[in-house]
Amino acid sequence: MGKDRIKLDAESFGRRLQFLYSIWLDENSEYDNKAVFRSLRDVNLIYILCGKGSSREDGVIYKSMTLHYWFFGFEFSDTLILLARKKQMFIVTSQKKVMILQQIVDWMSKNVSDIKVTLIERKGDFKETVDASKSLFDNLLEDVSLMGRVEKSGKQDGQFASQCEEYFSSETSSVKFGSSMIDGAIDYVLCYKDKVELELCRKASILSVQMLKGILLQRIETILDKELKETHKSIGKRVEDALDDKSMHKLWETKFNLDPEDIDLVYSLVQSGSSFELKAVENSGENLCLNSGCILLSIGSKYREYCANITRTYFLNSTEEQRIIYKYCIELMDTLISMLKEGVSFLDLYTNIYQKIVKDKGEDLAHKFVKIMGHCIGIEFRDSSSIISSKSSPKILVQKGMTLNLSIGFNNLEHNGRKYAIWICDTVYLSPEGKVEVLTQGCSKKLEHVSYELDDENDEKEKAIMNKKKKDEVEKKPMVKEQSKSESEYSSEDESEDYDSEDDKMDGKSSVKKERKGPKEELIIEDRLRRTTRRVNNSEHSDEMKLIENRQKELRKKKLLELQKRFGGKKEEKNEQGDISDSEENFFNSKNPSYKSTKEYPKDRNLNRIFVDSAKESILVPIYGLLVPFHVRLLKNVVCTQEEGKKVFILRINFVLPTGISLEQMPSTFSSPVFIKELMLRSEDGKTMNSVFRSIKELIKRYKQKGTLEEETAEQDLIKNQKPLDFNRAKQRVMLKDVGIRPTIGQGRRQHGILEAHNNGFRFSSSKGETIDILYSSIKHAIFQPVENDLLVIFHLHLKHSIWIGKKKTQDVQFYSEVGNQIDDLEQRRGRNVYDPDEILEEQRERETKKRYNMEYKKFIHGIEELSKDSFEAEIPYRDLGFYGVPGRAGVSNVQLFPTASCLVHLLEFPPFILSLDEIEVVSFERVEQGLRNFDMIFVPKDYTKPVKRVDSIPMEYLDLIKRWLNEMEIVYYEGRQNLNWNAVLKTILGDIDDFVENGGFNGFLGEESEDGEDGSDEDDDDEDEEYSEGDEDEDDDDDDDDDEDLSDLEEESSDDSFKELSSDEEEGLSWDELEKQAIREDRKRGRDNDESDRRRGDDQRSRKRR
């Protein structure tokens, strides 16, 4: 340890020494805790001795060594520090260490004059050193009556330590004083963290997070994905190995500015299976459990001797009970963080949380709660005097500047006779302003981020069997081609005869040749099995649908209460205020009239002519010799016509009429308001009439353009007021290269560029140098759709407000990469078969390419989440919930739609279909009837002034799937047979909203039809199950073309704006056989009519000839 290699932080040393003296000597210190600091204030001298060993056998460092790290940042062995009450500090050490410590002496003499630091070089043994500096020691010890120790005598090893202990424990002729322990007070002093210490704790927290996410969790995901076997101990050792991995060092240094020389590991813990301990213990030799259950991961790390800790629980095929308890743990952690206030005792923290558990969940769960709920953390990972538990001293209080490791968890929980545990730990900091900062928030605790859904064991077995069968078929097929017919029959019979059942082998019985059943017997058995399976499935399905309908009834009641609260609250507010608020638009009760008085009328007006005042956006109409002003916003339209056969021209002005809510907004001074619907003015001066007509039309046009321009200006102002892009200055850039963008920026079919993520948004730079910036705060939905059965991997952004891209205004921006060719040349496929090696190799390359693109995009999104500090979150479509349909917009064919966590999307075709679920009031299924193969789904928005969104022509097979999805999302749905004119329905609702709510809301006019439809469908389902046969299924397949024609008719019918009922045949639900017979009868009838008409035509011709 050379002096040229060590540079001490003298400023931090001086600041901490002053802090210690302020607590020791000043009873009015803001960090005062008289109960804790009483032992410190009773002593005159603080004795800090450091011998040879820096830590005990259990790995916990000595208190003296902790103070060395706190003062100097380094360990100085064989050193004695004496702190006198009269602000004198003596450091007795070796010559080399004196030379190193001279840095702090020089700094203290220049910057801190009231505290004197003296360095004393050791001379032989300690007694000789005292004799050599006798005057200094006499001055230091003359007023000492009680000496304070930070640890008991005899704890330190080494000759120098023994000599010091012998000198200060024996009674000499010069000094006589006793000693007492002050370790508890020193612990409390060390709990406070200054700016430098806080930064080190932050870096230690980052290190813990990266070790857990980048090493432990990544390895466990690989094990689960490939179904490997590896012990907990082996997984945990990977973290230790990473401390010597130069590639990890480089990553941590470049991305997080962590010096590899300052990195260290306290412990790493992996737990799974059914045995858990919620504390830092050694890893077991058991293999990682790959079945359903919990995996607990814990990391404690050090950065420049300052510690941080993190624990996360990950679920494999989590149950509802586990999810509920985990969410409750998150709630408890949030509650505990909110309770961290200055002056609250550690004992009260534990007691209040424990009582909350008893109150919320009962005594049984409370007994399974962790015994230690946290502790102070810093240079020491944990000290026994600063823990949060039921046995904590009421003297230990929460203070500003503390860093704490908080622990929430439950052990010995059971599900289906199997034990599991849930444990969450975070390192937090309580700032001087009283705010709590979670230092380990870089690793998410959200349930969706810690849950893994694995394939069921039975599914895995079935997949393995199917794969084996396919493999056998591939291997056998070429052989069968070479064999003759007799040889192939013989080989197959021989294989069937040589087959022995596993049950016979297990029982030790002789194998019996199985008789080969004929085709007829096999069909009978297969049919019986199909019927049995159908009955079981129908029973389970009916039970499930009953549960869904019961849940829907609860949701409908809840929705009605919500409507009553929403619209009833507005009505009460209006009644209390006597008028609507300024924020609401009162169209007819304008505060800005056209003219305040007749004095403002234009001077060049004529009492007998219509005058168009563009400045005031009004028209003056002569009525009974007076000019009456009308503002342009009250004009609906204007028409000029000429009466037939006359030279009279008629100018008809139509006005906007208030209805519904608008009528209620009229001033209360009018007891019975009367409105002008239209004005008709006649004149023989056609030239003047046409001029007035054109002027009014132009005024209306300008006014509408002005409103649009104002909206665009407000939107542009909103965009301009956004914060500028905060660029990521780190060396590690988060970006995607060679990605396409839709819509394109400029001219051209396709444009590619670089998409780069920054601290608060994205920047897309095209190959032509054009850029687009999108902030995270302006994104409403971010959707990542991996490539699977298609050829595009998509990262889609649905914005809160529209932006301009090139000359297009859009609310959707899409970034994508093409995987493979969009066009496949069929000429090159001639001569190939399924088992062609080139074809198999090409498919394998395509799968690998898709996997690579998906990983690149996934890595990019993870990088965004880290940069944005969890303010950005991307959704992934649920492909297992996908269904086909026609979104209600022009130019879209039948496409596949996928639900996400918060919306329903189709992204492949552009423009995309994005439907936010939080904006949906209810969903209505239309044309749901026996005999029809398709139905429509209508999404009614919460804002009834907006049009409904619809998805048409959804195959009936997806109905139950969609119902399950909507039920899980807690969205109310109704079911009916008719197509409704929703524009008229919503206008009716807005016309009398109170009557709508009083009559049960949507349940009033949709609920009865839905219930009737459900009853009828149940009966029809029962009949269909009884009469089902394979022949019916074949007939259905044969009649696809006829059904498509019916579908087109139904689609035309559904687009009509009037209320229409279905035909009588469809209402009766005729079977396909009956419909076919009916068509034959109509054809025969049409044939008879044709014969009769031909016969009549022939008679007419014969009669003409006779004439």
Foldseek 3Di string as FASTA:
>chain_A
DALVVDDWPLVQLVVLLVLVLCQQPPCPDPLHQCVQCVQSVVWFKEKQAAADDQPDPVRFGAPSQVVCCNNTLDGAHLWIWMAGNQQEIEIEHAPRVCVNVVVNQVVCVVPPPSHHYYYFHDDPAPVVSCVVVVVVVLVRQVPTAEYEYLDDQPPHDDDNSVRVSVVVVDDDPRDDHYYDYSNSVVVSSVQFDDPVQVVQQLLQLVVFLCCCVVQLVVVVVVCLVVVDKAFFQVSFCRSVVLLVPVVSQVVCCQFVVAHSVQKFWDGKGKDWFFDDDQDGDHGDGHIHDNAWAKIKIKTWIGGSLWIWIWIFIFTEADDPVVVVVLVVLVVLVVVLQVPQFWPAFLLVSAVVSLVVCCVPPNDVQSVQKDQWFKFFTTSGRHDPQTTRGNPHDRSHTRDARGKMKGKTKGFQDDDPRGTHMGITIFIWHQHPVRHIGTSNLLQPRDRVSRYDYDDDPVVVVVVVVVVVVVVVCVVCVVVVVPDDPVVVVVVVQVVQQPDFDPVCVVVVHDGGGDDDDDPVVVVVVVVVVVLVVVVVVVVVVVVVVVVLVVLLVVLLVVLLVVLCCVVVVLVVVCVVVVAHDPVDDQPPPDPDDLDPDPVPPDPPDDLQDWAQDLVSQWIFHRDPSGTDIDHLVQWPAWDWDADPPDLKIKIKTAGDDDFFPSVVNDDPVDVDDDDDGMDIDIDSPPVRVVVVRVSSVVSNVVVVVVVVVVVVVVLVVVVVPDDDFAAAPGPDWQKDAFKWKPPAQEDDDIWTFMWTAGLFWIWTATPVGDIDTDGLVQFDAWAWEADDPDFKTKTKTQGPAWDDRHNDTDRIMMIIDGQDDPDDDCVVCPPDDPPPPVVVVVVVVSVVSSVVVVVSVVVSQSVNCSSHVNSHDHKYFDPVLKFWFFKPDPPTDIDIWTDIPFWIWDVPDPPIDTGGNVQFQAKEWEQPAAQAQFIKIWTQGPPLVDDIIITTGTGPVSVVSVSVVCSVVSHNYFYAHWQALSVVVSVVCSNCVPVCSVCSHPCNPRVVRRVVRVVVVVVVVVVCSVPDDVVLVVVVVVCPVVSVVVRVVVVVVNPDNHTDHDDPCRNVNDRPVVVVVVVVVVVVVVVVVVVVVVVVVVVVVVVVVVD
